[in-house]
Amino acid sequence: MSTHTPWRERLLGSLMGQLQLATYLAVFLGFTGASTAGLWLSQRSQFLSGEAELTASASSLETCLLAHNLLTAREGEAASQVHEAKAREIRQELRDHSSVRTTLWIEQSDGQLLLPTAGHLPNDPAMLHLAMAANPQRQEGSTRAISVGGQDYVTLLHRQYPSGLRLWSSAEITSVQRAQGEFLNWMIVIWGSCLVLSLAVVSHLVRRIIRPLQQLSDTSAQLTADTLTTEAVEIANAPVEVTQLARTYNDLVERLAESWNHQRQFVSAVSHELRTPLTIVQGYLHRTLKRGSNLDGVQRQGLGVAEEESLRMGRLINDLLDLSRGDSGQLQVSCKPVSMADTLQEAINLARTTTEREIQLELPDGNEGASLVALADGDRLRQVLLDLIENADKYSPEQAVIRVRLRRAGTKACVEVEDDGIGIPADELEHVFERFRRASNSSQRSGTGLGLSIVKLLVEAMEGEVSVRSELGRGSCFVVQLPLADPAQSIDAETSKP
């Protein structure tokens, strides 16, 4: 399996990285293309300029030679030969039209060369022969570039005359090539500097463009049911598309908030409406079972099942009411100094009325257990403990023991409810306290997925914390931590008892 390096994830795994990469490539290709085209055009321009200079010199020479009838064979003179007197005139004209950089010469049909009259003008035989060798087909108007002894030249066969004479010209372009090299070096420096500057500007602009989207993403990540009415996004100095996206996001959040309010109102209203008739049904079933002496076994069993289901329904309605009150900020919790040992014992006694499983209570040695007094709501704390014990009983095998421990953890009273049940998968631990969330291995057991969310709601309302550690197949341990009461409050609580 291929692995992605962090730089590749940053570059290709985000919109900012992709924008930067695309812009970097566009800038690089643009600069490279423009520089290459500029260099090619510069070289071509210099080549054409040299060719034009050679053509102009050769044309001027040709005009003079034709004017003096030096390119045509005279009567009685072989076409392949040039009379010595005429040769001197031609050499003189070649000298007059040549320069330090430009050399003109005539090739006769027998291969002999007519060169400019010797003087201050240089004549390099190797260059002349190499220039002619570069154009073996003797194509007229064909310009070639050659290099001889570290010097660069441009050569041109201007024309081939009926007399068999060929007019050649060449120009030394070494200084031009050196200037071209310096130009290329400066172009590389300027190109590199402009590229770096452009990439820096592009990076800044991309980050500025992405910043509103990042702000929108951060706001979305912090969005919860409690912040639906407050998480409106305000983005200034953003592109029109991002501003429109922010407005659409705010409209969506507003619709979600409205829907969430309707849902809470519905749950609260339905729960309130169901409590009264359900209480009546529970009372009627209880009285019937207590006073129905004429009921047979089947009828009594059926009524018992109905009573148990009505009690379960009542707990579910109470849970929904607690959730609704918690969402609306109306959950009432009265925290007072509570003896943890006594509250745990009461909760265990109540749990034993609904299960035959052994429940062990482990208290600290000595008087520490009896002296642990926490700030909590006694009724809500018993509800929390009963829910945790019921949860442990539901997911533990038969004959397994549930252990309830009390200990002190710094400035907090710590209660642990441990079982030897099926455990919770490691990747699902962080979701066990969410509403209507159940572990994937608990599908065969009944439940609504509200119990642990109620536990978290009540514990946090008492300014405590709840956590869980679990190992799949070996059980779970839920830990509830509540703040300890001040010694003065503890004394007041003890002395206020009847």
Protein backbone atom coordinates (compact mmCIF):
# COMPACT_ATOMS: atom_id res chain seq x y z
CA MET A 1 0.00 0.00 0.00
CA SER A 2 1.37 3.39 -0.93
CA THR A 3 2.03 5.89 1.83
CA HIS A 4 1.62 9.63 1.51
CA THR A 5 4.32 11.86 2.91
CA PRO A 6 3.19 14.86 4.99
CA TRP A 7 4.34 17.38 2.36
CA ARG A 8 2.30 15.60 -0.28
CA GLU A 9 -0.78 15.63 1.97
CA ARG A 10 -0.33 19.36 2.64
CA LEU A 11 0.21 20.09 -1.05
CA LEU A 12 -2.45 17.87 -2.63
CA GLY A 13 -4.82 17.23 0.26
CA SER A 14 -6.03 20.81 0.75
CA LEU A 15 -7.56 23.49 -1.43
CA MET A 16 -4.82 25.96 -0.47
CA GLY A 17 -2.10 23.48 -1.44
CA GLN A 18 -3.73 22.73 -4.78
CA LEU A 19 -4.18 26.44 -5.53
CA GLN A 20 -0.57 27.14 -4.63
CA LEU A 21 0.68 24.23 -6.72
CA ALA A 22 -1.42 25.24 -9.73
CA THR A 23 -0.32 28.88 -9.45
CA TYR A 24 3.33 27.94 -8.93
CA LEU A 25 3.24 25.77 -12.03
CA ALA A 26 1.50 28.50 -14.05
CA VAL A 27 4.02 31.13 -12.92
CA PHE A 28 6.98 28.83 -13.54
CA LEU A 29 5.76 27.81 -16.98
CA GLY A 30 4.91 31.42 -17.83
CA PHE A 31 8.33 32.74 -16.80
CA THR A 32 10.13 29.86 -18.46
CA GLY A 33 8.14 30.20 -21.68
CA ALA A 34 8.56 33.96 -21.81
CA SER A 35 12.29 33.74 -21.10
CA THR A 36 12.85 30.96 -23.63
CA ALA A 37 10.85 32.80 -26.27
CA GLY A 38 12.77 36.02 -25.52
CA LEU A 39 16.13 34.31 -25.82
CA TRP A 40 15.11 32.56 -29.04
CA LEU A 41 13.80 35.79 -30.54
CA SER A 42 16.97 37.62 -29.46
CA GLN A 43 19.20 35.01 -31.07
CA ARG A 44 17.07 34.95 -34.18
CA SER A 45 17.10 38.73 -34.37
CA GLN A 46 20.88 38.80 -34.09
CA PHE A 47 21.20 36.07 -36.71
CA LEU A 48 18.88 37.91 -39.09
CA SER A 49 20.70 41.14 -38.38
CA GLY A 50 24.01 39.48 -39.27
CA GLU A 51 22.47 37.96 -42.37
CA ALA A 52 21.08 41.37 -43.40
CA GLU A 53 24.50 42.94 -42.89
CA LEU A 54 26.16 40.28 -45.04
CA THR A 55 23.51 40.64 -47.73
CA ALA A 56 23.90 44.42 -47.79
CA SER A 57 27.70 44.21 -48.06
CA ALA A 58 27.51 41.57 -50.79
CA SER A 59 24.87 43.52 -52.72
CA SER A 60 26.95 46.67 -52.57
CA LEU A 61 30.00 44.77 -53.76
CA GLU A 62 28.00 43.09 -56.52
CA THR A 63 26.78 46.46 -57.77
CA CYS A 64 30.33 47.78 -58.01
CA LEU A 65 31.66 44.64 -59.68
CA LEU A 66 28.86 44.60 -62.22
CA ALA A 67 29.38 48.30 -62.92
CA HIS A 68 33.01 47.60 -63.82
CA ASN A 69 32.09 44.43 -65.72
CA LEU A 70 34.27 42.34 -63.41
CA LEU A 71 31.88 39.39 -62.96
CA THR A 72 31.48 38.49 -66.62
CA ALA A 73 34.02 36.82 -68.89
CA ARG A 74 35.54 39.04 -71.56
CA GLU A 75 35.88 38.07 -75.22
CA GLY A 76 38.57 35.45 -75.66
CA GLU A 77 38.74 34.78 -71.95
CA ALA A 78 37.75 31.44 -70.46
CA ALA A 79 34.79 31.56 -68.14
CA SER A 80 36.66 29.63 -65.51
CA GLN A 81 39.56 32.02 -65.40
CA VAL A 82 39.90 35.62 -64.24
CA HIS A 83 42.45 37.84 -65.93
CA GLU A 84 45.17 39.00 -63.59
CA ALA A 85 44.34 42.65 -64.12
CA LYS A 86 40.69 41.99 -63.47
CA ALA A 87 41.64 39.91 -60.39
CA ARG A 88 43.51 42.88 -58.93
CA GLU A 89 40.47 45.07 -59.43
CA ILE A 90 38.22 42.47 -57.81
CA ARG A 91 40.59 42.13 -54.81
CA GLN A 92 40.61 45.87 -54.43
CA GLU A 93 36.82 46.00 -54.45
CA LEU A 94 36.71 43.10 -51.95
CA ARG A 95 39.02 45.06 -49.68
CA ASP A 96 37.00 48.23 -50.00
CA HIS A 97 33.77 46.45 -49.04
CA SER A 98 35.23 44.28 -46.27
CA SER A 99 35.76 45.40 -42.68
CA VAL A 100 37.34 44.16 -39.49
CA ARG A 101 34.24 42.03 -38.75
CA THR A 102 33.08 41.32 -42.31
CA THR A 103 35.04 39.46 -45.00
CA LEU A 104 34.00 39.06 -48.63
CA TRP A 105 35.68 36.78 -51.19
CA ILE A 106 35.02 35.14 -54.55
CA GLU A 107 35.31 31.44 -55.27
CA GLN A 108 36.22 30.57 -58.83
CA SER A 109 34.83 27.49 -60.55
CA ASP A 110 38.17 25.71 -60.20
CA GLY A 111 38.18 26.27 -56.46
CA GLN A 112 40.66 29.13 -56.43
CA LEU A 113 39.77 32.02 -54.13
CA LEU A 114 39.95 35.72 -54.76
CA LEU A 115 40.60 37.40 -51.43
CA PRO A 116 40.70 41.04 -50.41
CA THR A 117 44.02 42.79 -51.02
CA ALA A 118 46.30 42.06 -48.08
CA GLY A 119 46.51 44.88 -45.58
CA HIS A 120 44.95 45.66 -42.29
CA LEU A 121 42.08 43.21 -42.90
CA PRO A 122 42.49 39.70 -41.45
CA ASN A 123 42.10 36.68 -43.73
CA ASP A 124 41.81 33.29 -42.07
CA PRO A 125 42.05 30.54 -44.73
CA ALA A 126 40.72 27.93 -42.28
CA MET A 127 37.61 30.01 -41.69
CA LEU A 128 37.08 30.54 -45.43
CA HIS A 129 37.33 26.84 -46.28
CA LEU A 130 35.14 25.84 -43.33
CA ALA A 131 32.56 28.43 -44.37
CA MET A 132 32.40 26.95 -47.87
CA ALA A 133 32.42 23.40 -46.51
CA ALA A 134 29.36 24.27 -44.39
CA ASN A 135 27.41 24.77 -47.64
CA PRO A 136 28.52 21.85 -49.82
CA GLN A 137 25.47 22.12 -52.13
CA ARG A 138 26.31 25.75 -52.78
CA GLN A 139 22.79 26.98 -52.07
CA GLU A 140 22.42 30.66 -52.78
CA GLY A 141 21.15 32.84 -49.94
CA SER A 142 21.85 30.10 -47.37
CA THR A 143 23.27 31.44 -44.10
CA ARG A 144 25.31 29.11 -41.88
CA ALA A 145 26.90 29.50 -38.46
CA ILE A 146 30.41 28.12 -37.86
CA SER A 147 33.07 28.24 -35.15
CA VAL A 148 36.81 28.38 -35.78
CA GLY A 149 39.50 28.68 -33.14
CA GLY A 150 37.09 29.90 -30.49
CA GLN A 151 35.62 32.51 -32.82
CA ASP A 152 32.03 32.39 -34.08
CA TYR A 153 31.07 33.40 -37.63
CA VAL A 154 28.01 33.72 -39.84
CA THR A 155 28.61 32.88 -43.52
CA LEU A 156 26.51 33.49 -46.63
CA LEU A 157 26.75 32.42 -50.28
CA HIS A 158 25.30 35.50 -51.89
CA ARG A 159 25.10 34.41 -55.52
CA GLN A 160 26.59 32.17 -58.17
CA TYR A 161 27.15 33.93 -61.52
CA PRO A 162 27.04 32.47 -65.04
CA SER A 163 30.78 32.94 -65.28
CA GLY A 164 31.16 30.34 -62.50
CA LEU A 165 32.19 32.87 -59.84
CA ARG A 166 30.58 32.65 -56.43
CA LEU A 167 30.35 35.60 -54.09
CA TRP A 168 30.81 34.69 -50.39
CA SER A 169 30.66 36.78 -47.25
CA SER A 170 31.18 36.13 -43.53
CA ALA A 171 30.89 38.14 -40.33
CA GLU A 172 32.55 37.53 -36.98
CA ILE A 173 29.93 37.44 -34.20
CA THR A 174 32.04 36.33 -31.20
CA SER A 175 31.48 39.63 -29.37
CA VAL A 176 27.79 39.36 -30.11
CA GLN A 177 27.73 35.82 -28.71
CA ARG A 178 29.53 36.99 -25.58
CA ALA A 179 27.02 39.76 -25.17
CA GLN A 180 24.33 37.13 -25.68
CA GLY A 181 25.89 34.99 -22.93
CA GLU A 182 25.97 37.92 -20.52
CA PHE A 183 22.40 38.67 -21.45
CA LEU A 184 21.50 35.05 -20.72
CA ASN A 185 23.23 35.16 -17.31
CA TRP A 186 21.44 38.34 -16.35
CA MET A 187 18.21 36.87 -17.67
CA ILE A 188 18.65 33.84 -15.39
CA VAL A 189 19.28 36.08 -12.37
CA ILE A 190 16.34 38.33 -13.16
CA TRP A 191 14.16 35.33 -14.00
CA GLY A 192 15.00 33.60 -10.71
CA SER A 193 14.43 36.76 -8.65
CA CYS A 194 11.12 37.52 -10.34
CA LEU A 195 10.04 33.89 -9.92
CA VAL A 196 10.80 33.88 -6.19
CA LEU A 197 9.04 37.22 -5.74
CA SER A 198 6.06 36.03 -7.75
CA LEU A 199 5.79 32.80 -5.73
CA ALA A 200 5.91 34.76 -2.47
CA VAL A 201 3.17 37.11 -3.68
CA VAL A 202 1.12 34.15 -4.91
CA SER A 203 1.46 32.37 -1.55
CA HIS A 204 0.28 35.49 0.27
CA LEU A 205 -2.67 35.96 -2.07
CA VAL A 206 -3.70 32.29 -1.88
CA ARG A 207 -3.62 32.38 1.93
CA ARG A 208 -5.69 35.56 1.85
CA ILE A 209 -8.20 33.95 -0.49
CA ILE A 210 -8.40 30.77 1.59
CA ARG A 211 -8.65 32.58 4.95
CA PRO A 212 -12.44 33.15 4.74
CA LEU A 213 -12.98 29.50 3.83
CA GLN A 214 -10.80 28.45 6.77
CA GLN A 215 -12.81 30.74 9.04
CA LEU A 216 -16.01 29.15 7.76
CA SER A 217 -14.56 25.67 8.33
CA ASP A 218 -13.48 26.51 11.90
CA THR A 219 -16.92 27.90 12.69
CA SER A 220 -18.58 24.77 11.30
CA ALA A 221 -16.30 22.54 13.38
CA GLN A 222 -17.40 24.34 16.57
CA LEU A 223 -21.09 24.16 15.71
CA THR A 224 -23.19 22.28 18.26
CA ALA A 225 -26.85 22.15 19.19
CA ASP A 226 -26.20 24.72 21.92
CA THR A 227 -24.48 27.20 19.57
CA LEU A 228 -26.88 27.04 16.64
CA THR A 229 -28.30 30.45 17.48
CA THR A 230 -24.92 32.13 18.05
CA GLU A 231 -22.60 30.70 15.37
CA ALA A 232 -23.30 33.21 12.60
CA VAL A 233 -20.37 33.79 10.28
CA GLU A 234 -19.36 37.32 9.39
CA ILE A 235 -16.69 37.53 6.71
CA ALA A 236 -15.29 40.87 5.61
CA ASN A 237 -13.19 41.65 2.54
CA ALA A 238 -13.89 38.25 0.98
CA PRO A 239 -14.60 37.38 -2.65
CA VAL A 240 -18.22 37.50 -3.76
CA GLU A 241 -18.44 33.70 -3.99
CA VAL A 242 -17.18 33.24 -0.42
CA THR A 243 -19.51 35.95 0.89
CA GLN A 244 -22.43 34.21 -0.81
CA LEU A 245 -21.32 30.91 0.69
CA ALA A 246 -21.22 32.51 4.16
CA ARG A 247 -24.76 33.86 3.70
CA THR A 248 -25.96 30.44 2.61
CA TYR A 249 -24.25 28.89 5.63
CA ASN A 250 -25.90 31.36 8.00
CA ASP A 251 -29.29 30.64 6.44
CA LEU A 252 -28.72 26.91 6.89
CA VAL A 253 -27.71 27.33 10.53
CA GLU A 254 -30.80 29.45 11.12
CA ARG A 255 -33.02 26.75 9.65
CA LEU A 256 -31.26 24.10 11.74
CA ALA A 257 -31.76 26.17 14.89
CA GLU A 258 -35.43 26.57 14.13
CA SER A 259 -35.80 22.86 13.45
CA TRP A 260 -33.92 22.00 16.64
CA ASN A 261 -36.17 24.28 18.69
CA HIS A 262 -39.25 22.67 17.20
CA GLN A 263 -37.86 19.24 17.99
CA ARG A 264 -37.14 20.15 21.61
CA GLN A 265 -40.58 21.67 22.02
CA PHE A 266 -42.16 18.57 20.54
CA VAL A 267 -40.22 16.19 22.80
CA SER A 268 -40.98 18.28 25.87
CA ALA A 269 -44.68 18.60 25.04
CA VAL A 270 -45.11 14.90 24.24
CA SER A 271 -43.23 13.84 27.37
CA HIS A 272 -45.40 16.06 29.57
CA GLU A 273 -48.57 14.81 27.92
CA LEU A 274 -47.58 11.15 28.35
CA ARG A 275 -46.57 11.35 32.00
CA THR A 276 -50.08 11.80 33.40
CA PRO A 277 -51.84 8.92 31.60
CA LEU A 278 -48.83 6.69 32.15
CA THR A 279 -48.87 7.42 35.88
CA ILE A 280 -52.57 6.51 35.96
CA VAL A 281 -51.90 3.24 34.14
CA GLN A 282 -49.04 2.38 36.49
CA GLY A 283 -51.21 3.04 39.56
CA TYR A 284 -54.09 1.00 38.18
CA LEU A 285 -51.84 -1.97 37.38
CA HIS A 286 -50.18 -1.82 40.77
CA ARG A 287 -53.50 -1.72 42.64
CA THR A 288 -54.90 -4.53 40.52
CA LEU A 289 -51.91 -6.76 41.27
CA LYS A 290 -52.05 -5.98 45.01
CA ARG A 291 -55.79 -6.39 45.44
CA GLY A 292 -56.69 -8.83 42.70
CA SER A 293 -57.03 -11.97 44.78
CA ASN A 294 -59.16 -13.63 42.11
CA LEU A 295 -56.48 -13.36 39.40
CA ASP A 296 -55.03 -16.58 38.05
CA GLY A 297 -51.35 -17.06 37.33
CA VAL A 298 -51.55 -16.14 33.65
CA GLN A 299 -53.43 -12.91 34.35
CA ARG A 300 -51.06 -11.94 37.14
CA GLN A 301 -48.06 -12.60 34.90
CA GLY A 302 -49.53 -10.50 32.12
CA LEU A 303 -50.30 -7.63 34.45
CA GLY A 304 -46.78 -7.87 35.88
CA VAL A 305 -45.27 -7.59 32.41
CA ALA A 306 -47.51 -4.60 31.69
CA GLU A 307 -46.40 -2.92 34.91
CA GLU A 308 -42.71 -3.49 34.12
CA GLU A 309 -43.14 -2.06 30.64
CA SER A 310 -45.01 0.96 31.99
CA LEU A 311 -42.19 1.57 34.46
CA ARG A 312 -39.65 1.30 31.64
CA MET A 313 -41.72 3.71 29.59
CA GLY A 314 -41.84 6.10 32.54
CA ARG A 315 -38.04 6.05 32.84
CA LEU A 316 -37.72 6.72 29.13
CA ILE A 317 -40.10 9.69 29.36
CA ASN A 318 -38.18 11.05 32.35
CA ASP A 319 -34.94 10.72 30.38
CA LEU A 320 -36.45 12.63 27.45
CA LEU A 321 -37.67 15.32 29.81
CA ASP A 322 -34.21 15.64 31.34
CA LEU A 323 -32.64 15.96 27.89
CA SER A 324 -35.20 18.55 26.86
CA ARG A 325 -34.65 20.55 30.03
CA GLY A 326 -30.89 20.29 29.59
CA ASP A 327 -31.12 21.61 26.04
CA SER A 328 -33.28 24.52 27.09
CA GLY A 329 -31.20 25.30 30.20
CA GLN A 330 -34.06 24.43 32.55
CA LEU A 331 -32.58 21.33 34.14
CA GLN A 332 -32.83 21.80 37.90
CA VAL A 333 -29.98 20.42 39.96
CA SER A 334 -29.55 21.34 43.62
CA CYS A 335 -26.01 20.60 44.76
CA LYS A 336 -25.54 20.09 48.49
CA PRO A 337 -23.05 18.19 50.64
CA VAL A 338 -23.82 14.51 50.14
CA SER A 339 -22.25 11.54 51.91
CA MET A 340 -20.88 9.46 49.06
CA ALA A 341 -20.77 6.17 51.01
CA ASP A 342 -24.41 6.46 52.07
CA THR A 343 -25.57 7.47 48.59
CA LEU A 344 -23.72 4.57 46.99
CA GLN A 345 -25.22 2.13 49.47
CA GLU A 346 -28.74 3.45 48.78
CA ALA A 347 -28.22 3.17 45.02
CA ILE A 348 -26.92 -0.40 45.33
CA ASN A 349 -29.87 -1.39 47.52
CA LEU A 350 -32.29 -0.02 44.93
CA ALA A 351 -30.41 -1.82 42.13
CA ARG A 352 -30.62 -5.13 43.98
CA THR A 353 -34.41 -4.97 43.82
CA THR A 354 -34.29 -5.23 40.02
CA THR A 355 -31.36 -7.65 39.54
CA GLU A 356 -30.15 -10.81 41.23
CA ARG A 357 -26.56 -10.15 40.19
CA GLU A 358 -23.98 -9.67 42.92
CA ILE A 359 -22.97 -6.03 43.40
CA GLN A 360 -19.87 -5.37 45.49
CA LEU A 361 -19.26 -2.03 47.19
CA GLU A 362 -15.62 -1.21 47.88
CA LEU A 363 -14.96 1.71 50.23
CA PRO A 364 -11.63 3.24 51.30
CA ASP A 365 -10.02 1.82 54.43
CA GLY A 366 -10.64 3.45 57.77
CA ASN A 367 -12.82 6.50 58.17
CA GLU A 368 -11.91 8.01 54.80
CA GLY A 369 -14.92 6.42 53.07
CA ALA A 370 -17.39 7.79 55.58
CA SER A 371 -15.77 11.21 55.47
CA LEU A 372 -16.01 11.64 51.71
CA VAL A 373 -18.65 14.31 51.19
CA ALA A 374 -19.26 15.69 47.72
CA LEU A 375 -21.25 18.60 46.39
CA ALA A 376 -24.03 16.89 44.42
CA ASP A 377 -27.75 16.46 44.05
CA GLY A 378 -28.52 13.29 46.00
CA ASP A 379 -31.46 12.21 43.84
CA ARG A 380 -29.64 12.91 40.60
CA LEU A 381 -26.52 11.11 41.86
CA ARG A 382 -28.60 8.01 42.72
CA GLN A 383 -30.10 8.20 39.20
CA VAL A 384 -26.62 8.32 37.70
CA LEU A 385 -25.42 5.35 39.74
CA LEU A 386 -28.55 3.32 38.96
CA ASP A 387 -28.12 3.99 35.23
CA LEU A 388 -24.47 2.89 35.34
CA ILE A 389 -25.26 -0.25 37.37
CA GLU A 390 -28.16 -1.08 35.02
CA ASN A 391 -25.85 -0.58 32.02
CA ALA A 392 -23.23 -2.89 33.57
CA ASP A 393 -25.91 -5.51 34.36
CA LYS A 394 -27.26 -5.39 30.80
CA TYR A 395 -23.92 -6.08 29.11
CA SER A 396 -22.37 -8.55 31.58
CA PRO A 397 -22.64 -12.36 31.41
CA GLU A 398 -24.58 -14.27 34.04
CA GLN A 399 -22.94 -14.70 37.45
CA ALA A 400 -20.52 -11.86 36.69
CA VAL A 401 -19.98 -9.41 39.54
CA ILE A 402 -20.45 -5.66 39.33
CA ARG A 403 -17.93 -3.73 41.42
CA VAL A 404 -18.64 -0.22 42.71
CA ARG A 405 -15.64 1.57 44.23
CA LEU A 406 -15.33 4.83 46.09
CA ARG A 407 -12.03 6.65 46.47
CA ARG A 408 -10.61 10.11 46.78
CA ALA A 409 -8.78 11.66 43.82
CA GLY A 410 -7.25 14.95 44.93
CA THR A 411 -10.07 17.43 45.48
CA LYS A 412 -12.69 15.12 44.01
CA ALA A 413 -14.67 12.10 45.07
CA CYS A 414 -14.28 9.33 42.52
CA VAL A 415 -16.83 6.54 41.92
CA GLU A 416 -16.01 3.61 39.62
CA VAL A 417 -18.61 1.17 38.29
CA GLU A 418 -16.77 -1.78 36.76
CA ASP A 419 -18.09 -4.88 35.02
CA ASP A 420 -16.73 -7.93 33.22
CA GLY A 421 -19.01 -7.52 30.22
CA ILE A 422 -18.56 -7.37 26.47
CA GLY A 423 -16.58 -4.13 26.52
CA ILE A 424 -16.61 -1.30 24.01
CA PRO A 425 -14.56 -1.11 20.78
CA ALA A 426 -11.65 1.32 21.16
CA ASP A 427 -12.69 3.47 18.19
CA GLU A 428 -16.17 3.97 19.68
CA LEU A 429 -15.21 5.03 23.21
CA GLU A 430 -15.41 8.75 22.43
CA HIS A 431 -18.99 8.37 21.17
CA VAL A 432 -20.56 6.29 23.98
CA PHE A 433 -21.96 9.38 25.74
CA GLU A 434 -23.67 10.73 22.63
CA ARG A 435 -27.43 10.52 22.31
CA PHE A 436 -28.89 7.46 20.61
CA ARG A 437 -25.41 6.05 20.10
CA ARG A 438 -24.79 2.45 21.01
CA ALA A 439 -21.70 0.35 20.60
CA SER A 440 -21.66 -1.82 17.49
CA ASN A 441 -21.41 -5.00 19.59
CA SER A 442 -24.57 -4.21 21.64
CA SER A 443 -27.17 -4.68 18.91
CA GLN A 444 -28.58 -7.89 20.45
CA ARG A 445 -29.46 -6.14 23.70
CA SER A 446 -32.40 -3.79 24.18
CA GLY A 447 -31.86 -0.13 24.84
CA THR A 448 -32.51 3.37 23.53
CA GLY A 449 -29.00 4.79 23.64
CA LEU A 450 -30.08 7.54 26.07
CA GLY A 451 -28.81 6.18 29.40
CA LEU A 452 -25.19 7.24 29.16
CA SER A 453 -26.08 10.61 27.60
CA ILE A 454 -28.35 11.24 30.64
CA VAL A 455 -25.47 10.24 32.93
CA LYS A 456 -23.16 12.75 31.24
CA LEU A 457 -25.82 15.47 31.33
CA LEU A 458 -26.49 15.04 35.06
CA VAL A 459 -22.84 14.68 36.10
CA GLU A 460 -21.82 17.81 34.20
CA ALA A 461 -24.82 19.65 35.68
CA MET A 462 -23.33 18.80 39.11
CA GLU A 463 -19.98 20.23 37.88
CA GLY A 464 -18.45 16.78 37.72
CA GLU A 465 -16.83 14.64 35.04
CA VAL A 466 -17.57 11.19 33.67
CA SER A 467 -15.25 9.00 31.63
CA VAL A 468 -14.86 5.39 30.60
CA ARG A 469 -12.08 2.94 30.00
CA SER A 470 -12.82 -0.37 28.36
CA GLU A 471 -11.24 -3.40 26.77
CA LEU A 472 -13.19 -5.35 24.20
CA GLY A 473 -14.34 -8.68 25.61
CA ARG A 474 -13.04 -7.95 29.13
CA GLY A 475 -15.40 -5.31 30.47
CA SER A 476 -15.73 -1.60 31.08
CA CYS A 477 -15.19 0.83 33.92
CA PHE A 478 -17.16 4.09 34.14
CA VAL A 479 -15.61 6.75 36.36
CA VAL A 480 -17.63 9.60 37.91
CA GLN A 481 -15.75 12.44 39.62
CA LEU A 482 -17.54 15.05 41.74
CA PRO A 483 -16.05 18.01 43.63
CA LEU A 484 -15.58 17.50 47.36
CA ALA A 485 -17.47 19.74 49.75
CA ASP A 486 -15.63 22.10 52.11
CA PRO A 487 -15.13 20.74 55.63
CA ALA A 488 -17.40 23.48 57.05
CA GLN A 489 -20.15 22.49 54.65
CA SER A 490 -19.70 18.87 55.58
CA ILE A 491 -20.03 19.65 59.25
CA ASP A 492 -23.14 21.72 58.58
CA ALA A 493 -24.61 18.87 56.60
CA GLU A 494 -23.91 16.38 59.37
CA THR A 495 -25.24 18.58 62.12
CA SER A 496 -28.39 19.39 60.15
CA LYS A 497 -29.41 15.73 60.05
CA PRO A 498 -32.33 14.90 62.42
